[in-house]
Amino acid sequence: MTATPGSQRIIMAGDDTPASRAGLQHDDIVLTPEIWQEAHPEGALLRVKVLRNGVKMALWVLVGEICIG
């Protein structure tokens, strides 16, 4: 998942990633950005609040391992 600096607007949620499987989408605005400030163990379940098209919602994100590179 990639967010624009300072706004927490999601600009990309890669295919078959924890973010995409949780339902996070392009242009969602994360209302609980503090959740990303700490590392979480793989398997942790995080409640992430987002704003999508003017509607506030909560999504459950299962932390998983992602290999980059």
N, C-alpha and C. Protein backbone atom coordinates (compact mmCIF):
# COMPACT_ATOMS: atom_id res chain seq x y z
N MET A 1 0.84 -1.17 0.00
CA MET A 1 0.00 0.00 0.00
C MET A 1 0.88 1.22 0.00
N THR A 2 0.55 2.21 -0.78
CA THR A 2 1.27 3.47 -0.83
C THR A 2 0.29 4.60 -0.60
N ALA A 3 0.66 5.55 0.27
CA ALA A 3 -0.20 6.70 0.55
C ALA A 3 0.55 7.97 0.19
N THR A 4 -0.19 9.01 -0.21
CA THR A 4 0.45 10.27 -0.50
C THR A 4 0.96 10.88 0.80
N PRO A 5 2.17 11.42 0.81
CA PRO A 5 2.73 12.00 2.04
C PRO A 5 1.84 13.11 2.60
N GLY A 6 1.59 13.05 3.90
CA GLY A 6 0.85 14.09 4.59
C GLY A 6 -0.65 13.95 4.57
N SER A 7 -1.22 13.26 3.59
CA SER A 7 -2.69 13.21 3.53
C SER A 7 -3.25 11.84 3.87
N GLN A 8 -2.42 10.80 3.81
CA GLN A 8 -2.87 9.43 4.06
C GLN A 8 -3.91 8.97 3.03
N ARG A 9 -3.89 9.57 1.85
CA ARG A 9 -4.77 9.11 0.76
C ARG A 9 -4.06 7.94 0.07
N ILE A 10 -4.74 6.84 -0.03
CA ILE A 10 -4.14 5.66 -0.64
C ILE A 10 -4.06 5.85 -2.14
N ILE A 11 -2.85 5.71 -2.67
CA ILE A 11 -2.69 5.86 -4.11
C ILE A 11 -2.47 4.51 -4.80
N MET A 12 -2.14 3.48 -4.00
CA MET A 12 -1.98 2.16 -4.58
C MET A 12 -2.13 1.09 -3.51
N ALA A 13 -2.93 0.10 -3.80
CA ALA A 13 -3.01 -1.11 -2.97
C ALA A 13 -2.75 -2.26 -3.93
N GLY A 14 -1.55 -2.82 -3.86
CA GLY A 14 -1.13 -3.85 -4.80
C GLY A 14 -2.06 -5.05 -4.82
N ASP A 15 -2.08 -5.74 -5.93
CA ASP A 15 -2.90 -6.94 -6.07
C ASP A 15 -2.44 -8.01 -5.08
N ASP A 16 -3.39 -8.71 -4.53
CA ASP A 16 -3.14 -9.83 -3.62
C ASP A 16 -2.20 -9.45 -2.47
N THR A 17 -2.46 -8.32 -1.84
CA THR A 17 -1.72 -7.87 -0.67
C THR A 17 -2.68 -7.80 0.51
N PRO A 18 -2.17 -7.73 1.74
CA PRO A 18 -3.08 -7.57 2.88
C PRO A 18 -4.01 -6.37 2.71
N ALA A 19 -3.50 -5.27 2.16
CA ALA A 19 -4.33 -4.07 1.98
C ALA A 19 -5.48 -4.32 1.01
N SER A 20 -5.17 -4.92 -0.13
CA SER A 20 -6.23 -5.17 -1.12
C SER A 20 -7.22 -6.23 -0.63
N ARG A 21 -6.72 -7.26 0.06
CA ARG A 21 -7.62 -8.29 0.58
C ARG A 21 -8.56 -7.72 1.65
N ALA A 22 -8.10 -6.68 2.36
CA ALA A 22 -8.95 -6.05 3.38
C ALA A 22 -9.98 -5.11 2.76
N GLY A 23 -9.80 -4.78 1.48
CA GLY A 23 -10.76 -3.91 0.82
C GLY A 23 -10.30 -2.47 0.68
N LEU A 24 -9.05 -2.16 1.07
CA LEU A 24 -8.55 -0.80 0.88
C LEU A 24 -8.44 -0.52 -0.61
N GLN A 25 -8.83 0.69 -1.01
CA GLN A 25 -8.88 1.04 -2.42
C GLN A 25 -8.20 2.36 -2.69
N HIS A 26 -7.85 2.55 -3.97
CA HIS A 26 -7.29 3.81 -4.44
C HIS A 26 -8.22 4.96 -4.04
N ASP A 27 -7.65 6.02 -3.51
CA ASP A 27 -8.35 7.24 -3.08
C ASP A 27 -9.05 7.13 -1.73
N ASP A 28 -8.99 5.98 -1.05
CA ASP A 28 -9.45 5.92 0.34
C ASP A 28 -8.55 6.85 1.15
N ILE A 29 -9.12 7.52 2.14
CA ILE A 29 -8.35 8.36 3.05
C ILE A 29 -8.35 7.67 4.40
N VAL A 30 -7.15 7.34 4.89
CA VAL A 30 -7.03 6.65 6.17
C VAL A 30 -7.25 7.67 7.29
N LEU A 31 -8.27 7.42 8.12
CA LEU A 31 -8.61 8.33 9.22
C LEU A 31 -7.89 7.96 10.51
N THR A 32 -7.23 6.82 10.53
CA THR A 32 -6.47 6.37 11.70
C THR A 32 -5.01 6.11 11.31
N PRO A 33 -4.31 7.13 10.80
CA PRO A 33 -2.94 6.91 10.31
C PRO A 33 -1.96 6.49 11.40
N GLU A 34 -2.31 6.76 12.65
CA GLU A 34 -1.40 6.39 13.74
C GLU A 34 -1.21 4.87 13.81
N ILE A 35 -2.11 4.13 13.22
CA ILE A 35 -2.00 2.67 13.24
C ILE A 35 -0.74 2.19 12.53
N TRP A 36 -0.22 2.99 11.58
CA TRP A 36 0.96 2.60 10.81
C TRP A 36 2.26 3.01 11.51
N GLN A 37 2.17 3.74 12.62
CA GLN A 37 3.38 4.26 13.28
C GLN A 37 4.19 3.18 14.00
N GLU A 38 3.59 2.07 14.29
CA GLU A 38 4.29 0.99 14.98
C GLU A 38 4.25 -0.27 14.12
N ALA A 39 5.29 -1.09 14.26
CA ALA A 39 5.30 -2.37 13.57
C ALA A 39 4.32 -3.31 14.28
N HIS A 40 3.65 -4.12 13.50
CA HIS A 40 2.71 -5.10 14.04
C HIS A 40 3.13 -6.48 13.56
N PRO A 41 3.00 -7.49 14.40
CA PRO A 41 3.42 -8.83 14.00
C PRO A 41 2.51 -9.41 12.91
N GLU A 42 3.09 -10.25 12.09
CA GLU A 42 2.30 -10.94 11.08
C GLU A 42 1.17 -11.70 11.77
N GLY A 43 -0.03 -11.57 11.23
CA GLY A 43 -1.20 -12.23 11.81
C GLY A 43 -2.04 -11.31 12.69
N ALA A 44 -1.51 -10.12 13.03
CA ALA A 44 -2.29 -9.17 13.84
C ALA A 44 -3.46 -8.66 13.01
N LEU A 45 -4.57 -8.40 13.67
CA LEU A 45 -5.76 -7.88 13.01
C LEU A 45 -5.93 -6.42 13.42
N LEU A 46 -5.89 -5.52 12.44
CA LEU A 46 -5.96 -4.08 12.71
C LEU A 46 -7.28 -3.52 12.18
N ARG A 47 -7.89 -2.66 12.96
CA ARG A 47 -9.12 -1.98 12.53
C ARG A 47 -8.71 -0.61 11.98
N VAL A 48 -8.89 -0.43 10.68
CA VAL A 48 -8.48 0.79 10.00
C VAL A 48 -9.73 1.54 9.56
N LYS A 49 -9.84 2.80 9.99
CA LYS A 49 -10.99 3.62 9.58
C LYS A 49 -10.60 4.42 8.35
N VAL A 50 -11.48 4.42 7.36
CA VAL A 50 -11.21 5.15 6.12
C VAL A 50 -12.43 5.99 5.73
N LEU A 51 -12.15 6.97 4.89
CA LEU A 51 -13.20 7.77 4.27
C LEU A 51 -13.16 7.45 2.79
N ARG A 52 -14.29 6.96 2.26
CA ARG A 52 -14.40 6.59 0.85
C ARG A 52 -15.63 7.24 0.26
N ASN A 53 -15.42 8.11 -0.70
CA ASN A 53 -16.54 8.79 -1.37
C ASN A 53 -17.48 9.44 -0.36
N GLY A 54 -16.92 10.06 0.68
CA GLY A 54 -17.72 10.77 1.68
C GLY A 54 -18.32 9.90 2.76
N VAL A 55 -18.06 8.60 2.73
CA VAL A 55 -18.62 7.68 3.71
C VAL A 55 -17.50 7.13 4.59
N LYS A 56 -17.67 7.24 5.92
CA LYS A 56 -16.70 6.68 6.85
C LYS A 56 -17.00 5.20 7.03
N MET A 57 -15.93 4.39 7.05
CA MET A 57 -16.10 2.95 7.26
C MET A 57 -14.88 2.39 7.96
N ALA A 58 -15.05 1.25 8.56
CA ALA A 58 -13.95 0.56 9.21
C ALA A 58 -13.69 -0.75 8.47
N LEU A 59 -12.42 -1.02 8.23
CA LEU A 59 -12.01 -2.25 7.57
C LEU A 59 -11.04 -3.00 8.47
N TRP A 60 -11.09 -4.30 8.45
CA TRP A 60 -10.17 -5.12 9.22
C TRP A 60 -9.04 -5.56 8.29
N VAL A 61 -7.81 -5.24 8.69
CA VAL A 61 -6.63 -5.58 7.90
C VAL A 61 -5.83 -6.63 8.67
N LEU A 62 -5.61 -7.77 8.04
CA LEU A 62 -4.79 -8.83 8.61
C LEU A 62 -3.35 -8.59 8.17
N VAL A 63 -2.48 -8.32 9.12
CA VAL A 63 -1.08 -8.03 8.80
C VAL A 63 -0.43 -9.28 8.22
N GLY A 64 0.23 -9.09 7.08
CA GLY A 64 0.92 -10.20 6.43
C GLY A 64 2.29 -9.77 5.98
N GLU A 65 3.07 -10.72 5.52
CA GLU A 65 4.42 -10.45 5.04
C GLU A 65 4.36 -10.13 3.56
N ILE A 66 5.08 -9.09 3.15
CA ILE A 66 5.15 -8.73 1.74
C ILE A 66 6.62 -8.67 1.37
N CYS A 67 6.97 -9.33 0.29
CA CYS A 67 8.35 -9.29 -0.22
C CYS A 67 8.42 -8.25 -1.32
N ILE A 68 9.32 -7.28 -1.15
CA ILE A 68 9.49 -6.23 -2.14
C ILE A 68 10.86 -6.42 -2.78
N GLY A 69 10.88 -6.41 -4.10
CA GLY A 69 12.18 -6.49 -4.77
C GLY A 69 12.35 -7.63 -5.61
